[in-house]
Amino acid sequence: MIKTLCSLGLLALSLAASAQTAFKPNLPAVKTTSFKADTTSIAKLGAQADGVTMNTAVIQQAIDACSQKGGGVVLIPRGHWRTGPLEMRSNVNLHVATGALVQFTNQRSDFKLIKTNWEGLEAVRNQPLIYGKNLENVAITGHGILDGAGEAWHMVQKGRSLEGEWKQLVASGGVLNEKQDRWYPTAQSLKGTTVKEAGVLNEEKQRIEDFTDIKDYLRPDFLVLDGCKRLLLESVTFQNSPAWTVHPMMSQDIIIRNVNVLNGPYTPNTDALDLESCKNGVVENCTFSAGDDAICIKSGRNEQGRKRAMPTENFIIRNCTVYRGHGGFVIGSEMSGGARNIYASNLTFIGTDIGIRFKTTRGRGGVVEDIFLENIDMKDIPGEAILFDMYYMIKDPTPQVAGSKERPVSPARPVDETTPQFRKIQMRNVTCNGARTAMLVRGLPEMAIKDISLENATLQSDKGLVCIEADNIRLKNVTLLPTSTDPVMEVHNSQNITLDGIRYPEQAAVLLRVSGAEKAKDVRLLNTDPSKAKQALELGQGVKKKAATVSRR
């Protein structure tokens, strides 16, 4: 008999009571799962833990029968179990016991194409390894391992492989692209790369049959729970996913605790956790390592996301570690339905490409606001420690000409429902030991990034602060330790910028550079000793002297 950890008494927690940070969220309580004590072991139904026998039918039968009799626990005991894709049911706790290895099939033919959602758009994909739609009271628990056989689906780059491994891979079969530097499992996998927005439903392609010629390219997510209520994921390890790993979508009342996600560093699109248009939840004590972003907040893309109008909201994310990933904590880029009321604290990022990452672009629309991040520690970040970017996947609109300190003019576009917004975001107690840029804020000429604060931070990096097209940005008690100090802080086309109590390397070439004659306004450097820099303030062409002030108080 399994003693589940999802009883109402043990998990009767409120988001407001559970946050142990200086930020005090006032959020609704999370409704929790509760299951009957009845336990059905798949072994007693005839499943074989020999690592050879396919147990799909037996496991699915156990899940179905458990739900039909009112719910309970389906036990996967210790052992090596093989299975194909599974569908969850309401009131079922799938318990993967300590020592259990559930190996999903590497046979792509075992998967069928279904209509679903991919990267915020209606699409056709291979069915997830574990899928649930419109369910209630569902859990996956236990200390076992679920392995997704991602190698059966993934493209591999020659430049990221050892020579011997690459030769062995090519000899195993599959196909190469024209440049002979990328390997694909099948010709269908390669063909999918030539199709614009492959898998996305449109006027020309509305049927599942329209996508069969690129089926192998449409990799399945590991776990999708779509339109569900009261979810618990606890202590399980998800590894080797074909695509996104843990993906609750348009669901509510979600608890994700002590979960591990382990995906290879160069595995494409293997996000660890994607909370898409979800409401009310806690994510805590998890460990992630992924080939793409790690902790991701999403809410649909472009017109479809705005029409859905379901922000991801009311979440506490705490006590998590990310070892690899494109971003540690990420909002976007599919954020067209918005995001709000998210509290993240006690997070550690080691080797993620970017640390704190907010990304969007023109066409998305949507509002991201009321985001609170506290106690974030980072190490060995190749890109930006903190990034707010409204030009995701677009060439830098205002690159600096070699030898010039001025940024070219970037024309504004009309503001409408497709214009994204980042605003009202607070960060405090942040450290980073090694990054390319300490903090980059890059808004649109027509829509500044607004109301961002960073307090109590020490950031070691190549570059310091770069702030472009922003309004009401506040840094307080921040130590910037860039190796390049010309300048330590750059503010361009921005206003209402407060830099209070800034510490920086002695003999810095330029402490603060302010540019953008038309928009530069009210840039204040306060409570900072400017004498340690060779030049405290440098003004760009046409910037008025009163646009920026430097004060020791």
Protein backbone atom coordinates (compact mmCIF):
# COMPACT_ATOMS: atom_id res chain seq x y z
CA MET A 1 0.00 0.00 0.00
CA ILE A 2 1.51 3.31 -1.04
CA LYS A 3 1.42 6.10 1.46
CA THR A 4 0.91 9.01 -0.89
CA LEU A 5 2.19 12.45 -0.06
CA CYS A 6 -0.73 14.19 -1.65
CA SER A 7 -3.35 14.11 1.07
CA LEU A 8 -5.13 17.34 1.78
CA GLY A 9 -3.69 17.52 5.25
CA LEU A 10 -0.05 17.25 4.20
CA LEU A 11 -0.37 19.60 1.26
CA ALA A 12 -2.88 22.13 2.60
CA LEU A 13 -0.60 25.02 1.89
CA SER A 14 -1.33 28.51 0.81
CA LEU A 15 0.91 30.45 -1.51
CA ALA A 16 0.80 33.40 0.83
CA ALA A 17 1.92 31.36 3.82
CA SER A 18 4.55 29.39 1.94
CA ALA A 19 6.69 32.26 0.71
CA GLN A 20 9.61 32.81 3.09
CA THR A 21 11.02 35.86 1.33
CA ALA A 22 10.90 39.61 1.89
CA PHE A 23 8.47 39.81 -0.99
CA LYS A 24 5.09 38.94 0.50
CA PRO A 25 2.77 37.48 -2.08
CA ASN A 26 -0.94 37.74 -1.56
CA LEU A 27 -2.02 34.88 -3.78
CA PRO A 28 -4.81 32.32 -3.64
CA ALA A 29 -4.21 28.95 -2.01
CA VAL A 30 -3.33 26.06 -4.26
CA LYS A 31 -5.98 23.35 -4.33
CA THR A 32 -4.25 20.04 -3.73
CA THR A 33 -4.59 16.46 -4.90
CA SER A 34 -6.06 13.65 -2.82
CA PHE A 35 -6.23 9.96 -3.72
CA LYS A 36 -7.76 6.78 -2.40
CA ALA A 37 -5.33 4.44 -0.70
CA ASP A 38 -6.14 1.61 -3.15
CA THR A 39 -2.96 0.53 -4.93
CA THR A 40 -2.61 -1.53 -8.10
CA SER A 41 0.83 -2.84 -9.03
CA ILE A 42 1.46 -3.26 -12.73
CA ALA A 43 3.52 -6.36 -11.87
CA LYS A 44 0.42 -8.09 -10.52
CA LEU A 45 -1.32 -7.39 -13.83
CA GLY A 46 1.38 -9.16 -15.80
CA ALA A 47 3.88 -6.42 -16.65
CA GLN A 48 7.46 -7.66 -17.05
CA ALA A 49 10.45 -5.75 -15.67
CA ASP A 50 13.00 -7.33 -17.98
CA GLY A 51 13.93 -4.28 -20.03
CA VAL A 52 12.65 -6.04 -23.16
CA THR A 53 8.89 -6.62 -22.87
CA MET A 54 6.67 -3.75 -24.00
CA ASN A 55 4.23 -3.08 -21.15
CA THR A 56 2.19 -0.30 -22.74
CA ALA A 57 -1.12 -2.16 -22.72
CA VAL A 58 -0.76 -3.35 -19.14
CA ILE A 59 0.19 0.06 -17.74
CA GLN A 60 -2.59 1.78 -19.66
CA GLN A 61 -5.08 -0.83 -18.49
CA ALA A 62 -4.03 -0.20 -14.89
CA ILE A 63 -4.44 3.58 -15.26
CA ASP A 64 -7.85 3.23 -16.92
CA ALA A 65 -9.18 0.73 -14.41
CA CYS A 66 -7.95 2.76 -11.46
CA SER A 67 -9.78 5.85 -12.70
CA GLN A 68 -12.96 3.94 -13.51
CA LYS A 69 -13.26 2.60 -9.97
CA GLY A 70 -12.89 6.05 -8.43
CA GLY A 71 -9.14 6.52 -8.43
CA GLY A 72 -6.13 5.50 -6.40
CA VAL A 73 -2.48 4.61 -6.99
CA VAL A 74 -0.96 2.79 -9.93
CA LEU A 75 2.39 1.43 -8.75
CA ILE A 76 5.39 0.90 -10.99
CA PRO A 77 7.71 -1.13 -8.74
CA ARG A 78 11.48 -1.38 -8.85
CA GLY A 79 12.73 -2.78 -12.13
CA HIS A 80 13.36 -1.94 -15.78
CA TRP A 81 10.05 -1.36 -17.53
CA ARG A 82 9.58 -0.61 -21.23
CA THR A 83 6.51 1.16 -22.53
CA GLY A 84 5.05 3.20 -25.33
CA PRO A 85 3.14 6.48 -24.89
CA LEU A 86 0.63 6.61 -22.03
CA GLU A 87 -2.48 8.62 -21.22
CA MET A 88 -3.25 9.76 -17.71
CA ARG A 89 -6.74 9.70 -16.22
CA SER A 90 -8.50 11.66 -13.48
CA ASN A 91 -7.96 10.67 -9.83
CA VAL A 92 -4.89 8.57 -10.60
CA ASN A 93 -1.50 8.83 -8.92
CA LEU A 94 1.10 7.10 -11.09
CA HIS A 95 3.76 6.19 -8.53
CA VAL A 96 7.19 5.34 -9.91
CA ALA A 97 8.94 3.61 -7.02
CA THR A 98 12.56 3.97 -5.98
CA GLY A 99 14.68 1.85 -8.28
CA ALA A 100 12.13 1.87 -11.10
CA LEU A 101 13.38 2.79 -14.58
CA VAL A 102 10.59 3.39 -17.06
CA GLN A 103 12.11 3.34 -20.54
CA PHE A 104 9.86 4.82 -23.23
CA THR A 105 10.02 3.33 -26.69
CA ASN A 106 12.57 4.49 -29.25
CA GLN A 107 10.29 3.33 -32.07
CA ARG A 108 8.85 6.46 -33.68
CA SER A 109 6.14 4.36 -35.33
CA ASP A 110 4.66 3.71 -31.86
CA PHE A 111 3.53 7.35 -31.76
CA LYS A 112 0.58 8.88 -33.57
CA LEU A 113 0.17 12.46 -34.73
CA ILE A 114 -2.37 14.54 -32.82
CA LYS A 115 -3.62 18.11 -32.87
CA THR A 116 -2.09 19.98 -29.98
CA ASN A 117 -0.09 23.14 -29.32
CA TRP A 118 3.58 23.81 -29.99
CA GLU A 119 5.47 26.93 -28.95
CA GLY A 120 2.24 28.80 -28.43
CA LEU A 121 0.50 27.92 -31.69
CA GLU A 122 -2.07 25.31 -32.71
CA ALA A 123 -0.11 22.52 -34.31
CA VAL A 124 0.20 18.84 -35.12
CA ARG A 125 2.85 16.89 -33.21
CA ASN A 126 3.56 13.34 -32.20
CA GLN A 127 1.58 12.47 -29.10
CA PRO A 128 3.39 13.18 -25.82
CA LEU A 129 5.02 10.32 -23.98
CA ILE A 130 2.58 10.98 -21.13
CA TYR A 131 -0.58 12.93 -21.96
CA GLY A 132 -3.64 14.15 -20.15
CA LYS A 133 -6.42 16.47 -21.30
CA ASN A 134 -9.28 17.97 -19.28
CA LEU A 135 -8.44 15.87 -16.24
CA GLU A 136 -8.74 16.57 -12.52
CA ASN A 137 -6.76 15.32 -9.54
CA VAL A 138 -3.72 13.78 -11.23
CA ALA A 139 -0.25 12.97 -9.91
CA ILE A 140 3.04 11.42 -10.92
CA THR A 141 5.11 10.66 -7.81
CA GLY A 142 7.91 8.48 -6.51
CA HIS A 143 11.71 8.49 -6.74
CA GLY A 144 11.98 6.49 -9.95
CA ILE A 145 13.26 7.51 -13.38
CA LEU A 146 11.31 8.12 -16.58
CA ASP A 147 13.54 8.02 -19.68
CA GLY A 148 12.20 9.49 -22.92
CA ALA A 149 14.59 7.92 -25.48
CA GLY A 150 15.25 11.34 -26.95
CA GLU A 151 18.14 10.03 -29.04
CA ALA A 152 15.60 8.43 -31.37
CA TRP A 153 14.37 11.91 -32.35
CA HIS A 154 17.22 14.39 -31.97
CA MET A 155 19.34 16.07 -34.60
CA VAL A 156 23.06 15.98 -33.77
CA GLN A 157 25.63 18.61 -34.79
CA LYS A 158 29.06 17.45 -35.89
CA GLY A 159 30.77 20.41 -34.22
CA ARG A 160 29.36 19.38 -30.86
CA SER A 161 30.34 15.72 -31.11
CA LEU A 162 33.58 13.86 -30.55
CA GLU A 163 35.11 12.59 -33.79
CA GLY A 164 34.68 8.95 -32.88
CA GLU A 165 31.10 9.43 -31.73
CA TRP A 166 30.25 11.29 -34.95
CA LYS A 167 31.64 8.51 -37.16
CA GLN A 168 29.76 5.90 -35.17
CA LEU A 169 26.53 7.91 -35.44
CA VAL A 170 26.81 8.34 -39.21
CA ALA A 171 27.58 4.63 -39.63
CA SER A 172 24.44 3.72 -37.66
CA GLY A 173 22.13 5.09 -40.36
CA GLY A 174 20.13 8.27 -40.64
CA VAL A 175 20.82 11.11 -43.08
CA LEU A 176 23.10 14.15 -43.28
CA ASN A 177 22.26 17.64 -44.45
CA GLU A 178 23.92 19.18 -47.52
CA LYS A 179 26.80 20.61 -45.47
CA GLN A 180 27.39 17.19 -43.93
CA ASP A 181 27.56 18.80 -40.49
CA ARG A 182 24.17 17.77 -39.09
CA TRP A 183 22.83 14.26 -38.65
CA TYR A 184 19.11 13.42 -38.61
CA PRO A 185 17.53 10.10 -37.63
CA THR A 186 15.47 9.89 -40.83
CA ALA A 187 14.80 11.66 -44.12
CA GLN A 188 11.51 12.91 -42.65
CA SER A 189 13.42 14.53 -39.80
CA LEU A 190 15.62 16.38 -42.27
CA LYS A 191 12.71 17.37 -44.52
CA GLY A 192 10.99 19.06 -41.61
CA THR A 193 13.83 21.57 -41.38
CA THR A 194 12.95 22.86 -44.86
CA VAL A 195 9.31 23.59 -43.99
CA LYS A 196 8.39 27.01 -42.63
CA GLU A 197 6.76 26.66 -39.20
CA ALA A 198 6.64 22.91 -39.59
CA GLY A 199 3.66 21.35 -37.85
CA VAL A 200 1.71 24.58 -37.42
CA LEU A 201 -1.92 24.39 -38.51
CA ASN A 202 -2.86 26.98 -41.15
CA GLU A 203 -5.36 27.57 -43.95
CA GLU A 204 -3.54 25.20 -46.30
CA LYS A 205 -2.91 22.48 -43.73
CA GLN A 206 -5.80 21.67 -41.40
CA ARG A 207 -5.74 17.86 -41.27
CA ILE A 208 -3.39 15.57 -39.41
CA GLU A 209 -2.75 13.78 -42.70
CA ASP A 210 -1.19 16.95 -44.08
CA PHE A 211 1.83 16.43 -41.85
CA THR A 212 2.62 12.74 -42.28
CA ASP A 213 5.53 13.47 -44.62
CA ILE A 214 7.43 15.20 -41.79
CA LYS A 215 6.15 13.09 -38.90
CA ASP A 216 9.59 12.22 -37.56
CA TYR A 217 10.48 15.92 -37.34
CA LEU A 218 7.49 16.68 -35.09
CA ARG A 219 9.10 15.48 -31.87
CA PRO A 220 6.81 14.74 -28.91
CA ASP A 221 6.90 16.53 -25.58
CA PHE A 222 7.55 14.28 -22.60
CA LEU A 223 4.64 15.22 -20.32
CA VAL A 224 1.69 17.39 -21.37
CA LEU A 225 -1.23 18.04 -19.02
CA ASP A 226 -3.66 20.21 -20.97
CA GLY A 227 -6.66 21.92 -19.41
CA CYS A 228 -6.29 20.03 -16.14
CA LYS A 229 -7.00 20.88 -12.50
CA ARG A 230 -5.15 19.88 -9.33
CA LEU A 231 -1.84 18.41 -10.44
CA LEU A 232 1.05 17.02 -8.42
CA LEU A 233 4.48 16.08 -9.74
CA GLU A 234 6.78 14.98 -6.95
CA SER A 235 10.28 13.46 -6.68
CA VAL A 236 10.30 11.85 -10.13
CA THR A 237 13.21 12.20 -12.57
CA PHE A 238 12.37 12.99 -16.19
CA GLN A 239 15.35 12.50 -18.47
CA ASN A 240 16.32 12.35 -22.12
CA SER A 241 13.21 14.08 -23.49
CA PRO A 242 12.56 14.31 -27.25
CA ALA A 243 11.36 17.94 -26.89
CA TRP A 244 9.82 20.00 -24.06
CA THR A 245 9.87 17.98 -20.87
CA VAL A 246 7.31 19.02 -18.24
CA HIS A 247 4.56 21.05 -19.88
CA PRO A 248 1.39 21.92 -17.96
CA MET A 249 -0.78 23.97 -20.34
CA MET A 250 -3.93 25.96 -19.59
CA SER A 251 -4.08 24.15 -16.26
CA GLN A 252 -4.49 25.30 -12.67
CA ASP A 253 -3.56 24.37 -9.12
CA ILE A 254 -0.17 22.83 -9.83
CA ILE A 255 2.45 21.58 -7.37
CA ILE A 256 5.85 20.52 -8.71
CA ARG A 257 8.16 19.43 -5.92
CA ASN A 258 11.57 17.71 -5.78
CA VAL A 259 11.44 16.94 -9.50
CA ASN A 260 14.60 16.38 -11.56
CA VAL A 261 14.84 17.06 -15.29
CA LEU A 262 18.03 15.84 -16.97
CA ASN A 263 18.51 16.48 -20.69
CA GLY A 264 21.72 16.70 -22.70
CA PRO A 265 23.31 20.13 -23.22
CA TYR A 266 22.81 20.24 -27.00
CA THR A 267 19.46 18.49 -27.26
CA PRO A 268 17.12 20.80 -29.23
CA ASN A 269 14.05 22.34 -27.60
CA THR A 270 14.36 20.23 -24.46
CA ASP A 271 13.02 22.89 -22.08
CA ALA A 272 12.89 21.56 -18.54
CA LEU A 273 9.64 23.14 -17.32
CA ASP A 274 7.14 25.14 -19.37
CA LEU A 275 4.25 26.67 -17.45
CA GLU A 276 1.99 27.82 -20.27
CA SER A 277 -1.16 29.80 -19.50
CA CYS A 278 -1.32 28.19 -16.07
CA LYS A 279 -2.84 29.54 -12.88
CA ASN A 280 -1.99 29.03 -9.21
CA GLY A 281 0.97 26.87 -8.32
CA VAL A 282 4.18 26.12 -6.48
CA VAL A 283 7.46 24.88 -7.99
CA GLU A 284 10.03 24.03 -5.33
CA ASN A 285 13.20 22.08 -4.59
CA CYS A 286 13.73 21.01 -8.19
CA THR A 287 16.91 20.40 -10.17
CA PHE A 288 17.06 21.09 -13.90
CA SER A 289 19.62 20.57 -16.65
CA ALA A 290 18.36 21.10 -20.18
CA GLY A 291 19.31 21.69 -23.79
CA ASP A 292 17.08 24.77 -23.91
CA ASP A 293 15.49 27.07 -21.31
CA ALA A 294 15.00 25.66 -17.83
CA ILE A 295 12.21 27.35 -15.83
CA CYS A 296 9.95 28.85 -18.48
CA ILE A 297 6.85 31.04 -18.21
CA LYS A 298 4.76 31.15 -21.38
CA SER A 299 1.21 32.05 -22.51
CA GLY A 300 0.82 31.56 -26.24
CA ARG A 301 2.23 33.25 -29.32
CA ASN A 302 1.07 36.30 -31.24
CA GLU A 303 -2.60 36.52 -32.25
CA GLN A 304 -3.47 33.06 -30.95
CA GLY A 305 -1.97 33.82 -27.55
CA ARG A 306 -3.76 37.17 -27.32
CA LYS A 307 -7.05 35.53 -28.32
CA ARG A 308 -6.53 32.80 -25.71
CA ALA A 309 -6.02 35.60 -23.15
CA MET A 310 -4.80 33.26 -20.42
CA PRO A 311 -1.77 34.65 -18.57
CA THR A 312 0.45 32.47 -16.46
CA GLU A 313 -0.19 33.87 -13.01
CA ASN A 314 -0.03 33.30 -9.27
CA PHE A 315 3.07 31.12 -8.96
CA ILE A 316 5.79 30.72 -6.37
CA ILE A 317 9.03 29.23 -7.68
CA ARG A 318 11.70 28.60 -5.06
CA ASN A 319 14.75 26.58 -3.98
CA CYS A 320 15.65 25.29 -7.44
CA THR A 321 19.00 24.68 -9.14
CA VAL A 322 19.70 24.86 -12.87
CA TYR A 323 22.97 23.41 -14.13
CA ARG A 324 22.62 23.85 -17.89
CA GLY A 325 20.14 25.62 -20.11
CA HIS A 326 19.70 28.55 -22.44
CA GLY A 327 18.16 30.47 -19.56
CA GLY A 328 17.75 29.81 -15.84
CA PHE A 329 14.50 31.66 -15.12
CA VAL A 330 12.78 32.69 -18.34
CA ILE A 331 9.65 34.56 -19.36
CA GLY A 332 8.83 34.40 -23.07
CA SER A 333 9.24 34.57 -25.85
CA GLU A 334 5.70 33.20 -26.31
CA MET A 335 4.10 35.50 -23.73
CA SER A 336 1.25 36.99 -25.78
CA GLY A 337 -1.35 36.10 -23.14
CA GLY A 338 0.71 37.84 -20.46
CA ALA A 339 2.34 36.84 -17.18
CA ARG A 340 1.83 38.29 -13.72
CA ASN A 341 2.08 37.68 -9.99
CA ILE A 342 5.11 35.39 -10.10
CA TYR A 343 7.48 35.14 -7.15
CA ALA A 344 10.84 33.41 -7.66
CA SER A 345 13.39 33.04 -4.88
CA ASN A 346 16.44 31.04 -3.82
CA LEU A 347 17.46 29.99 -7.32
CA THR A 348 20.95 28.93 -8.40
CA PHE A 349 22.11 28.92 -12.03
CA ILE A 350 25.44 27.31 -12.94
CA GLY A 351 26.54 27.49 -16.56
CA THR A 352 23.21 28.56 -18.08
CA ASP A 353 23.68 30.61 -21.26
CA ILE A 354 21.70 33.45 -19.68
CA GLY A 355 20.62 33.76 -16.07
CA ILE A 356 17.43 35.78 -15.63
CA ARG A 357 15.91 36.04 -19.11
CA PHE A 358 12.90 38.08 -20.27
CA LYS A 359 12.43 37.84 -24.05
CA THR A 360 9.85 38.99 -26.55
CA THR A 361 9.59 40.70 -29.93
CA ARG A 362 7.28 42.84 -32.03
CA GLY A 363 4.12 40.95 -32.94
CA ARG A 364 3.78 39.18 -29.61
CA GLY A 365 1.74 41.75 -27.70
CA GLY A 366 0.99 40.76 -24.12
CA VAL A 367 1.94 42.32 -20.79
CA VAL A 368 4.46 40.88 -18.33
CA GLU A 369 4.14 42.59 -14.96
CA ASP A 370 4.35 42.13 -11.21
CA ILE A 371 7.28 39.74 -11.27
CA PHE A 372 9.42 39.43 -8.12
CA LEU A 373 12.83 37.73 -8.01
CA GLU A 374 14.92 37.38 -4.87
CA ASN A 375 18.06 35.54 -3.76
CA ILE A 376 19.35 34.54 -7.18
CA ASP A 377 22.94 33.26 -7.47
CA MET A 378 24.72 32.62 -10.76
CA LYS A 379 28.08 31.28 -11.89
CA ASP A 380 29.78 30.94 -15.29
CA ILE A 381 27.09 32.57 -17.44
CA PRO A 382 28.29 32.89 -21.08
CA GLY A 383 25.74 35.58 -21.94
CA GLU A 384 23.82 38.09 -19.84
CA ALA A 385 23.34 37.60 -16.12
CA ILE A 386 20.11 39.64 -16.36
CA LEU A 387 18.40 40.24 -19.70
CA PHE A 388 15.29 42.14 -20.75
CA ASP A 389 15.14 41.95 -24.54
CA MET A 390 12.37 42.99 -26.94
CA TYR A 391 14.35 41.96 -30.02
CA TYR A 392 14.36 38.19 -29.52
CA MET A 393 15.64 36.35 -32.62
CA ILE A 394 16.13 39.65 -34.45
CA LYS A 395 19.42 41.21 -35.50
CA ASP A 396 20.58 44.00 -33.19
CA PRO A 397 18.56 47.05 -34.37
CA THR A 398 21.10 49.57 -33.11
CA PRO A 399 24.57 48.12 -33.47
CA GLN A 400 27.43 50.43 -32.75
CA VAL A 401 29.63 51.34 -35.68
CA ALA A 402 33.21 50.28 -35.11
CA GLY A 403 35.12 53.14 -33.51
CA SER A 404 31.97 55.11 -32.67
CA LYS A 405 30.39 55.52 -29.26
CA GLU A 406 27.05 56.54 -30.73
CA ARG A 407 24.20 54.14 -31.48
CA PRO A 408 22.37 54.60 -34.79
CA VAL A 409 18.76 55.75 -34.70
CA SER A 410 16.20 52.93 -34.56
CA PRO A 411 12.80 54.08 -35.90
CA ALA A 412 9.67 53.57 -33.82
CA ARG A 413 6.59 51.75 -35.06
CA PRO A 414 2.94 52.39 -34.16
CA VAL A 415 1.80 50.96 -30.82
CA ASP A 416 -1.06 48.48 -31.07
CA GLU A 417 -2.17 45.12 -29.66
CA THR A 418 0.93 43.48 -31.13
CA THR A 419 3.30 45.63 -29.05
CA PRO A 420 4.69 43.67 -26.08
CA GLN A 421 5.27 45.20 -22.66
CA PHE A 422 7.64 44.44 -19.76
CA ARG A 423 6.91 46.44 -16.62
CA LYS A 424 6.83 46.37 -12.80
CA ILE A 425 9.58 43.82 -12.16
CA GLN A 426 11.59 43.77 -8.94
CA MET A 427 14.85 41.93 -8.27
CA ARG A 428 16.99 41.89 -5.16
CA ASN A 429 19.87 39.96 -3.61
CA VAL A 430 21.48 38.81 -6.84
CA THR A 431 25.03 37.60 -7.45
CA CYS A 432 26.83 36.51 -10.58
CA ASN A 433 30.40 35.25 -10.82
CA GLY A 434 31.20 35.53 -14.50
CA ALA A 435 29.01 36.72 -17.39
CA ARG A 436 29.39 38.54 -20.70
CA THR A 437 27.10 41.37 -19.58
CA ALA A 438 25.89 42.08 -16.07
CA MET A 439 22.53 43.54 -17.10
CA LEU A 440 21.10 44.32 -20.53
CA VAL A 441 17.80 46.17 -20.88
CA ARG A 442 16.73 46.63 -24.51
CA GLY A 443 13.27 48.00 -25.16
CA LEU A 444 11.56 49.15 -28.33
CA PRO A 445 11.63 52.78 -29.51
CA GLU A 446 7.82 52.77 -29.33
CA MET A 447 7.60 50.84 -26.03
CA ALA A 448 10.20 51.32 -23.34
CA ILE A 449 10.84 48.65 -20.74
CA LYS A 450 9.43 50.23 -17.60
CA ASP A 451 9.62 50.08 -13.83
CA ILE A 452 12.48 47.66 -13.30
CA SER A 453 14.44 47.61 -10.04
CA LEU A 454 17.57 45.76 -8.96
CA GLU A 455 18.67 46.06 -5.35
CA ASN A 456 21.60 44.51 -3.48
CA ALA A 457 23.58 42.82 -6.23
CA THR A 458 27.18 41.93 -7.03
CA LEU A 459 27.79 41.15 -10.69
CA GLN A 460 31.15 40.15 -12.20
CA SER A 461 31.19 40.30 -15.98
CA ASP A 462 32.92 41.51 -19.13
CA LYS A 463 30.50 44.43 -19.57
CA GLY A 464 28.50 46.22 -16.90
CA LEU A 465 25.06 47.79 -17.39
CA VAL A 466 23.65 48.41 -20.88
CA CYS A 467 20.28 50.17 -20.79
CA ILE A 468 18.50 51.03 -24.06
CA GLU A 469 14.95 52.39 -24.54
CA ALA A 470 13.94 52.21 -20.90
CA ASP A 471 11.93 54.24 -18.41
CA ASN A 472 12.16 54.20 -14.61
CA ILE A 473 15.01 51.75 -14.12
CA ARG A 474 16.43 51.71 -10.59
CA LEU A 475 19.66 50.16 -9.36
CA LYS A 476 20.40 50.44 -5.65
CA ASN A 477 23.39 49.06 -3.76
CA VAL A 478 24.73 47.32 -6.83
CA THR A 479 28.37 46.36 -7.34
CA LEU A 480 29.35 46.14 -10.99
CA LEU A 481 32.73 44.54 -11.63
CA PRO A 482 33.20 44.49 -15.42
CA THR A 483 36.58 43.85 -16.99
CA SER A 484 35.73 46.42 -19.68
CA THR A 485 35.08 49.79 -18.06
CA ASP A 486 34.56 52.06 -21.06
CA PRO A 487 31.91 52.52 -19.77
CA VAL A 488 30.85 50.69 -16.62
CA MET A 489 27.26 51.79 -17.30
CA GLU A 490 25.72 52.83 -20.62
CA VAL A 491 22.30 54.48 -20.78
CA HIS A 492 20.84 55.19 -24.22
CA ASN A 493 17.49 56.72 -25.20
CA SER A 494 16.24 56.28 -21.65
CA GLN A 495 14.75 58.42 -18.91
CA ASN A 496 14.06 58.34 -15.19
CA ILE A 497 17.10 56.19 -14.52
CA THR A 498 18.29 56.07 -10.89
CA LEU A 499 21.70 54.57 -10.12
CA ASP A 500 22.03 54.69 -6.35
CA GLY A 501 25.02 53.43 -4.38
CA ILE A 502 26.98 51.93 -7.27
CA ARG A 503 30.33 50.30 -6.61
CA TYR A 504 32.75 49.68 -9.46
CA PRO A 505 36.43 48.96 -10.23
CA GLU A 506 38.91 51.67 -9.37
CA GLN A 507 40.41 53.56 -12.31
CA ALA A 508 37.44 52.70 -14.50
CA ALA A 509 37.75 54.53 -17.82
CA VAL A 510 34.18 55.90 -17.81
CA LEU A 511 31.71 55.35 -15.02
CA LEU A 512 28.53 56.44 -16.83
CA ARG A 513 27.84 57.19 -20.49
CA VAL A 514 24.51 58.77 -21.44
CA SER A 515 23.48 59.02 -25.11
CA GLY A 516 20.38 59.57 -27.20
CA ALA A 517 19.77 63.31 -27.55
CA GLU A 518 16.02 63.06 -28.10
CA LYS A 519 15.10 60.83 -25.14
CA ALA A 520 17.89 61.13 -22.57
CA LYS A 521 16.34 62.65 -19.48
CA ASP A 522 16.62 62.52 -15.71
CA VAL A 523 19.53 60.08 -15.40
CA ARG A 524 20.80 60.28 -11.82
CA LEU A 525 23.89 58.78 -10.25
CA LEU A 526 23.49 59.04 -6.48
CA ASN A 527 25.44 58.06 -3.37
CA THR A 528 28.35 56.98 -5.52
CA ASP A 529 31.99 58.11 -5.36
CA PRO A 530 32.83 59.25 -8.91
CA SER A 531 36.46 60.04 -8.06
CA LYS A 532 37.58 56.43 -8.50
CA ALA A 533 36.85 56.64 -12.23
CA LYS A 534 39.07 58.44 -14.72
CA GLN A 535 35.90 60.03 -16.11
CA ALA A 536 32.69 60.06 -14.11
CA LEU A 537 30.23 61.10 -16.82
CA GLU A 538 30.38 61.13 -20.59
CA LEU A 539 27.55 62.63 -22.64
CA GLY A 540 26.79 61.56 -26.18
CA GLN A 541 26.26 63.87 -29.10
CA GLY A 542 23.51 66.43 -28.48
CA VAL A 543 22.70 65.24 -24.96
CA LYS A 544 21.98 68.19 -22.69
CA LYS A 545 24.09 68.58 -19.57
CA LYS A 546 21.03 68.63 -17.36
CA ALA A 547 19.92 65.22 -18.69
CA ALA A 548 22.32 63.50 -16.27
CA THR A 549 23.54 64.37 -12.79
CA VAL A 550 26.23 62.88 -10.56
CA SER A 551 26.02 63.22 -6.79
CA ARG A 552 27.82 61.69 -3.85
CA ARG A 553 24.53 61.95 -1.93
